[in-house]
Amino acid sequence: MAKKKSLKGLGARYGIKLRKQYTKIHHQLKETRVCPDCGSKQFGRDAVGIWSCRKCNFKIAGTAYDVKL
């Protein structure tokens, strides 16, 4: 049975609940997304709440860790 790769940097600190929340948000932030304008997979976060496509320069405002269209 394969384990999920733990995130480096937290170690055994901060308690299991906060480490699980951090892991969930981190994986949600780093997943690949499709641009709603051109359909490219080069869509990512520039800053908190600002998402843009690197191919067509389409920009959209969203939430901090995900895009809600």
PDB file of N, CA and C in Angstrom:
ATOM      1  N   MET A   1       0.832  -1.171   0.000  1.00  0.00           N
ATOM      2  CA  MET A   1       0.000   0.000   0.000  1.00  0.00           C
ATOM      3  C   MET A   1       0.884   1.245   0.000  1.00  0.00           C
ATOM      4  N   ALA A   2       0.670   2.129  -0.945  1.00  0.00           N
ATOM      5  CA  ALA A   2       1.492   3.323  -1.079  1.00  0.00           C
ATOM      6  C   ALA A   2       0.971   4.432  -0.172  1.00  0.00           C
ATOM      7  N   LYS A   3       1.904   5.103   0.462  1.00  0.00           N
ATOM      8  CA  LYS A   3       1.542   6.223   1.326  1.00  0.00           C
ATOM      9  C   LYS A   3       1.613   7.509   0.523  1.00  0.00           C
ATOM     10  N   LYS A   4       0.843   8.499   0.942  1.00  0.00           N
ATOM     11  CA  LYS A   4       0.974   9.824   0.346  1.00  0.00           C
ATOM     12  C   LYS A   4       2.289  10.421   0.794  1.00  0.00           C
ATOM     13  N   LYS A   5       2.910  11.115  -0.098  1.00  0.00           N
ATOM     14  CA  LYS A   5       4.176  11.738   0.246  1.00  0.00           C
ATOM     15  C   LYS A   5       3.923  12.884   1.216  1.00  0.00           C
ATOM     16  N   SER A   6       4.607  12.848   2.346  1.00  0.00           N
ATOM     17  CA  SER A   6       4.420  13.905   3.332  1.00  0.00           C
ATOM     18  C   SER A   6       5.131  15.168   2.864  1.00  0.00           C
ATOM     19  N   LEU A   7       4.660  16.260   3.329  1.00  0.00           N
ATOM     20  CA  LEU A   7       5.250  17.534   2.934  1.00  0.00           C
ATOM     21  C   LEU A   7       6.449  17.854   3.808  1.00  0.00           C
ATOM     22  N   LYS A   8       7.507  18.256   3.181  1.00  0.00           N
ATOM     23  CA  LYS A   8       8.711  18.607   3.927  1.00  0.00           C
ATOM     24  C   LYS A   8       8.537  20.003   4.511  1.00  0.00           C
ATOM     25  N   GLY A   9       9.218  20.235   5.585  1.00  0.00           N
ATOM     26  CA  GLY A   9       9.206  21.562   6.175  1.00  0.00           C
ATOM     27  C   GLY A   9       8.397  21.653   7.445  1.00  0.00           C
ATOM     28  N   LEU A  10       7.405  20.802   7.617  1.00  0.00           N
ATOM     29  CA  LEU A  10       6.619  20.852   8.842  1.00  0.00           C
ATOM     30  C   LEU A  10       7.118  19.854   9.880  1.00  0.00           C
ATOM     31  N   GLY A  11       7.614  18.716   9.417  1.00  0.00           N
ATOM     32  CA  GLY A  11       8.134  17.703  10.338  1.00  0.00           C
ATOM     33  C   GLY A  11       7.047  17.193  11.264  1.00  0.00           C
ATOM     34  N   ALA A  12       7.372  17.041  12.525  1.00  0.00           N
ATOM     35  CA  ALA A  12       6.425  16.547  13.516  1.00  0.00           C
ATOM     36  C   ALA A  12       5.810  17.686  14.321  1.00  0.00           C
ATOM     37  N   ARG A  13       5.934  18.876  13.831  1.00  0.00           N
ATOM     38  CA  ARG A  13       5.439  20.040  14.582  1.00  0.00           C
ATOM     39  C   ARG A  13       3.996  20.359  14.231  1.00  0.00           C
ATOM     40  N   TYR A  14       3.352  21.145  15.028  1.00  0.00           N
ATOM     41  CA  TYR A  14       2.049  21.780  14.817  1.00  0.00           C
ATOM     42  C   TYR A  14       0.838  20.865  14.963  1.00  0.00           C
ATOM     43  N   GLY A  15       1.002  19.599  15.182  1.00  0.00           N
ATOM     44  CA  GLY A  15      -0.146  18.721  15.380  1.00  0.00           C
ATOM     45  C   GLY A  15      -0.668  18.147  14.070  1.00  0.00           C
ATOM     46  N   ILE A  16      -1.331  16.998  14.173  1.00  0.00           N
ATOM     47  CA  ILE A  16      -1.775  16.276  12.979  1.00  0.00           C
ATOM     48  C   ILE A  16      -2.895  17.011  12.245  1.00  0.00           C
ATOM     49  N   LYS A  17      -3.791  17.661  12.971  1.00  0.00           N
ATOM     50  CA  LYS A  17      -4.921  18.334  12.322  1.00  0.00           C
ATOM     51  C   LYS A  17      -4.444  19.462  11.405  1.00  0.00           C
ATOM     52  N   LEU A  18      -3.536  20.279  11.884  1.00  0.00           N
ATOM     53  CA  LEU A  18      -3.031  21.384  11.062  1.00  0.00           C
ATOM     54  C   LEU A  18      -2.181  20.884   9.899  1.00  0.00           C
ATOM     55  N   ARG A  19      -1.417  19.787  10.116  1.00  0.00           N
ATOM     56  CA  ARG A  19      -0.635  19.237   9.011  1.00  0.00           C
ATOM     57  C   ARG A  19      -1.528  18.659   7.921  1.00  0.00           C
ATOM     58  N   LYS A  20      -2.647  18.033   8.299  1.00  0.00           N
ATOM     59  CA  LYS A  20      -3.593  17.508   7.309  1.00  0.00           C
ATOM     60  C   LYS A  20      -4.261  18.639   6.533  1.00  0.00           C
ATOM     61  N   GLN A  21      -4.632  19.714   7.219  1.00  0.00           N
ATOM     62  CA  GLN A  21      -5.235  20.862   6.540  1.00  0.00           C
ATOM     63  C   GLN A  21      -4.240  21.505   5.577  1.00  0.00           C
ATOM     64  N   TYR A  22      -3.000  21.629   6.011  1.00  0.00           N
ATOM     65  CA  TYR A  22      -1.956  22.208   5.169  1.00  0.00           C
ATOM     66  C   TYR A  22      -1.726  21.350   3.928  1.00  0.00           C
ATOM     67  N   THR A  23      -1.701  20.032   4.112  1.00  0.00           N
ATOM     68  CA  THR A  23      -1.503  19.121   2.993  1.00  0.00           C
ATOM     69  C   THR A  23      -2.638  19.219   1.995  1.00  0.00           C
ATOM     70  N   LYS A  24      -3.869  19.294   2.481  1.00  0.00           N
ATOM     71  CA  LYS A  24      -5.042  19.395   1.603  1.00  0.00           C
ATOM     72  C   LYS A  24      -4.992  20.678   0.771  1.00  0.00           C
ATOM     73  N   ILE A  25      -4.717  21.801   1.406  1.00  0.00           N
ATOM     74  CA  ILE A  25      -4.640  23.086   0.710  1.00  0.00           C
ATOM     75  C   ILE A  25      -3.471  23.099  -0.269  1.00  0.00           C
ATOM     76  N   HIS A  26      -2.342  22.535   0.128  1.00  0.00           N
ATOM     77  CA  HIS A  26      -1.167  22.534  -0.741  1.00  0.00           C
ATOM     78  C   HIS A  26      -1.424  21.724  -2.012  1.00  0.00           C
ATOM     79  N   HIS A  27      -2.041  20.553  -1.887  1.00  0.00           N
ATOM     80  CA  HIS A  27      -2.328  19.740  -3.066  1.00  0.00           C
ATOM     81  C   HIS A  27      -3.389  20.402  -3.954  1.00  0.00           C
ATOM     82  N   GLN A  28      -4.356  21.065  -3.334  1.00  0.00           N
ATOM     83  CA  GLN A  28      -5.393  21.769  -4.095  1.00  0.00           C
ATOM     84  C   GLN A  28      -4.771  22.938  -4.864  1.00  0.00           C
ATOM     85  N   LEU A  29      -3.832  23.623  -4.272  1.00  0.00           N
ATOM     86  CA  LEU A  29      -3.193  24.767  -4.910  1.00  0.00           C
ATOM     87  C   LEU A  29      -2.308  24.344  -6.084  1.00  0.00           C
ATOM     88  N   LYS A  30      -1.625  23.210  -5.964  1.00  0.00           N
ATOM     89  CA  LYS A  30      -0.660  22.794  -6.960  1.00  0.00           C
ATOM     90  C   LYS A  30      -1.225  21.932  -8.083  1.00  0.00           C
ATOM     91  N   GLU A  31      -2.522  21.597  -8.045  1.00  0.00           N
ATOM     92  CA  GLU A  31      -3.068  20.752  -9.110  1.00  0.00           C
ATOM     93  C   GLU A  31      -3.161  21.524 -10.430  1.00  0.00           C
ATOM     94  N   THR A  32      -3.162  20.782 -11.532  1.00  0.00           N
ATOM     95  CA  THR A  32      -3.225  21.427 -12.838  1.00  0.00           C
ATOM     96  C   THR A  32      -4.659  21.841 -13.142  1.00  0.00           C
ATOM     97  N   ARG A  33      -4.793  22.985 -13.783  1.00  0.00           N
ATOM     98  CA  ARG A  33      -6.107  23.527 -14.118  1.00  0.00           C
ATOM     99  C   ARG A  33      -6.155  23.861 -15.601  1.00  0.00           C
ATOM    100  N   VAL A  34      -7.366  23.925 -16.119  1.00  0.00           N
ATOM    101  CA  VAL A  34      -7.573  24.239 -17.530  1.00  0.00           C
ATOM    102  C   VAL A  34      -8.047  25.681 -17.632  1.00  0.00           C
ATOM    103  N   CYS A  35      -7.484  26.415 -18.567  1.00  0.00           N
ATOM    104  CA  CYS A  35      -7.878  27.804 -18.794  1.00  0.00           C
ATOM    105  C   CYS A  35      -9.309  27.848 -19.318  1.00  0.00           C
ATOM    106  N   PRO A  36     -10.180  28.664 -18.716  1.00  0.00           N
ATOM    107  CA  PRO A  36     -11.558  28.747 -19.199  1.00  0.00           C
ATOM    108  C   PRO A  36     -11.681  29.445 -20.544  1.00  0.00           C
ATOM    109  N   ASP A  37     -10.661  30.173 -20.965  1.00  0.00           N
ATOM    110  CA  ASP A  37     -10.722  30.909 -22.218  1.00  0.00           C
ATOM    111  C   ASP A  37     -10.197  30.085 -23.399  1.00  0.00           C
ATOM    112  N   CYS A  38      -8.969  29.560 -23.280  1.00  0.00           N
ATOM    113  CA  CYS A  38      -8.362  28.867 -24.419  1.00  0.00           C
ATOM    114  C   CYS A  38      -8.281  27.353 -24.244  1.00  0.00           C
ATOM    115  N   GLY A  39      -8.504  26.837 -23.051  1.00  0.00           N
ATOM    116  CA  GLY A  39      -8.463  25.403 -22.819  1.00  0.00           C
ATOM    117  C   GLY A  39      -7.073  24.848 -22.558  1.00  0.00           C
ATOM    118  N   SER A  40      -6.089  25.698 -22.414  1.00  0.00           N
ATOM    119  CA  SER A  40      -4.717  25.268 -22.156  1.00  0.00           C
ATOM    120  C   SER A  40      -4.570  24.817 -20.706  1.00  0.00           C
ATOM    121  N   LYS A  41      -3.583  23.978 -20.457  1.00  0.00           N
ATOM    122  CA  LYS A  41      -3.321  23.513 -19.093  1.00  0.00           C
ATOM    123  C   LYS A  41      -2.259  24.357 -18.397  1.00  0.00           C
ATOM    124  N   GLN A  42      -1.962  25.529 -18.934  1.00  0.00           N
ATOM    125  CA  GLN A  42      -0.962  26.422 -18.360  1.00  0.00           C
ATOM    126  C   GLN A  42      -1.624  27.510 -17.528  1.00  0.00           C
ATOM    127  N   PHE A  43      -2.631  27.159 -16.786  1.00  0.00           N
ATOM    128  CA  PHE A  43      -3.400  28.101 -15.976  1.00  0.00           C
ATOM    129  C   PHE A  43      -2.957  27.961 -14.532  1.00  0.00           C
ATOM    130  N   GLY A  44      -2.537  29.052 -13.913  1.00  0.00           N
ATOM    131  CA  GLY A  44      -2.040  28.978 -12.547  1.00  0.00           C
ATOM    132  C   GLY A  44      -2.218  30.284 -11.802  1.00  0.00           C
ATOM    133  N   ARG A  45      -1.798  30.260 -10.561  1.00  0.00           N
ATOM    134  CA  ARG A  45      -1.962  31.401  -9.670  1.00  0.00           C
ATOM    135  C   ARG A  45      -0.762  32.330  -9.750  1.00  0.00           C
ATOM    136  N   ASP A  46      -1.030  33.616  -9.921  1.00  0.00           N
ATOM    137  CA  ASP A  46       0.031  34.622  -9.907  1.00  0.00           C
ATOM    138  C   ASP A  46       0.235  35.177  -8.504  1.00  0.00           C
ATOM    139  N   ALA A  47      -0.850  35.514  -7.851  1.00  0.00           N
ATOM    140  CA  ALA A  47      -0.819  36.043  -6.492  1.00  0.00           C
ATOM    141  C   ALA A  47      -2.101  35.581  -5.812  1.00  0.00           C
ATOM    142  N   VAL A  48      -2.298  35.985  -4.583  1.00  0.00           N
ATOM    143  CA  VAL A  48      -3.485  35.576  -3.849  1.00  0.00           C
ATOM    144  C   VAL A  48      -4.717  36.132  -4.551  1.00  0.00           C
ATOM    145  N   GLY A  49      -5.545  35.251  -5.082  1.00  0.00           N
ATOM    146  CA  GLY A  49      -6.781  35.650  -5.734  1.00  0.00           C
ATOM    147  C   GLY A  49      -6.655  36.029  -7.197  1.00  0.00           C
ATOM    148  N   ILE A  50      -5.459  36.011  -7.765  1.00  0.00           N
ATOM    149  CA  ILE A  50      -5.262  36.364  -9.170  1.00  0.00           C
ATOM    150  C   ILE A  50      -4.756  35.127  -9.910  1.00  0.00           C
ATOM    151  N   TRP A  51      -5.531  34.670 -10.884  1.00  0.00           N
ATOM    152  CA  TRP A  51      -5.211  33.485 -11.673  1.00  0.00           C
ATOM    153  C   TRP A  51      -5.049  33.901 -13.122  1.00  0.00           C
ATOM    154  N   SER A  52      -4.047  33.360 -13.811  1.00  0.00           N
ATOM    155  CA  SER A  52      -3.841  33.745 -15.202  1.00  0.00           C
ATOM    156  C   SER A  52      -3.337  32.558 -16.016  1.00  0.00           C
ATOM    157  N   CYS A  53      -3.557  32.665 -17.322  1.00  0.00           N
ATOM    158  CA  CYS A  53      -3.080  31.668 -18.270  1.00  0.00           C
ATOM    159  C   CYS A  53      -1.767  32.171 -18.846  1.00  0.00           C
ATOM    160  N   ARG A  54      -0.771  31.302 -18.868  1.00  0.00           N
ATOM    161  CA  ARG A  54       0.531  31.690 -19.390  1.00  0.00           C
ATOM    162  C   ARG A  54       0.570  31.679 -20.915  1.00  0.00           C
ATOM    163  N   LYS A  55      -0.421  31.054 -21.529  1.00  0.00           N
ATOM    164  CA  LYS A  55      -0.455  30.954 -22.984  1.00  0.00           C
ATOM    165  C   LYS A  55      -1.184  32.143 -23.622  1.00  0.00           C
ATOM    166  N   CYS A  56      -2.389  32.460 -23.116  1.00  0.00           N
ATOM    167  CA  CYS A  56      -3.192  33.509 -23.758  1.00  0.00           C
ATOM    168  C   CYS A  56      -3.306  34.787 -22.912  1.00  0.00           C
ATOM    169  N   ASN A  57      -2.639  34.833 -21.760  1.00  0.00           N
ATOM    170  CA  ASN A  57      -2.651  35.992 -20.854  1.00  0.00           C
ATOM    171  C   ASN A  57      -4.044  36.347 -20.337  1.00  0.00           C
ATOM    172  N   PHE A  58      -4.936  35.386 -20.258  1.00  0.00           N
ATOM    173  CA  PHE A  58      -6.269  35.590 -19.685  1.00  0.00           C
ATOM    174  C   PHE A  58      -6.141  35.652 -18.175  1.00  0.00           C
ATOM    175  N   LYS A  59      -6.709  36.686 -17.552  1.00  0.00           N
ATOM    176  CA  LYS A  59      -6.639  36.843 -16.103  1.00  0.00           C
ATOM    177  C   LYS A  59      -8.035  36.829 -15.518  1.00  0.00           C
ATOM    178  N   ILE A  60      -8.143  36.268 -14.331  1.00  0.00           N
ATOM    179  CA  ILE A  60      -9.423  36.173 -13.641  1.00  0.00           C
ATOM    180  C   ILE A  60      -9.163  36.272 -12.140  1.00  0.00           C
ATOM    181  N   ALA A  61     -10.139  36.821 -11.432  1.00  0.00           N
ATOM    182  CA  ALA A  61     -10.051  36.886  -9.967  1.00  0.00           C
ATOM    183  C   ALA A  61     -10.793  35.687  -9.397  1.00  0.00           C
ATOM    184  N   GLY A  62     -10.193  35.063  -8.420  1.00  0.00           N
ATOM    185  CA  GLY A  62     -10.798  33.913  -7.771  1.00  0.00           C
ATOM    186  C   GLY A  62     -10.537  33.944  -6.300  1.00  0.00           C
ATOM    187  N   THR A  63     -10.647  32.788  -5.656  1.00  0.00           N
ATOM    188  CA  THR A  63     -10.350  32.717  -4.234  1.00  0.00           C
ATOM    189  C   THR A  63      -8.844  32.507  -4.053  1.00  0.00           C
ATOM    190  N   ALA A  64      -8.398  32.440  -2.826  1.00  0.00           N
ATOM    191  CA  ALA A  64      -6.974  32.370  -2.549  1.00  0.00           C
ATOM    192  C   ALA A  64      -6.327  31.087  -3.059  1.00  0.00           C
ATOM    193  N   TYR A  65      -6.997  29.937  -2.912  1.00  0.00           N
ATOM    194  CA  TYR A  65      -6.363  28.666  -3.250  1.00  0.00           C
ATOM    195  C   TYR A  65      -7.036  27.942  -4.405  1.00  0.00           C
ATOM    196  N   ASP A  66      -8.127  28.440  -4.917  1.00  0.00           N
ATOM    197  CA  ASP A  66      -8.842  27.761  -5.987  1.00  0.00           C
ATOM    198  C   ASP A  66      -9.596  28.795  -6.807  1.00  0.00           C
ATOM    199  N   VAL A  67      -9.999  28.374  -8.001  1.00  0.00           N
ATOM    200  CA  VAL A  67     -10.789  29.247  -8.874  1.00  0.00           C
ATOM    201  C   VAL A  67     -12.221  28.792  -8.818  1.00  0.00           C
ATOM    202  N   LYS A  68     -13.113  29.674  -8.460  1.00  0.00           N
ATOM    203  CA  LYS A  68     -14.541  29.365  -8.446  1.00  0.00           C
ATOM    204  C   LYS A  68     -15.201  30.129  -9.576  1.00  0.00           C
ATOM    205  N   LEU A  69     -15.561  29.423 -10.625  1.00  0.00           N
ATOM    206  CA  LEU A  69     -16.185  30.069 -11.783  1.00  0.00           C
ATOM    207  C   LEU A  69     -17.679  30.014 -11.701  1.00  0.00           C
TER     208      LEU A  69
END
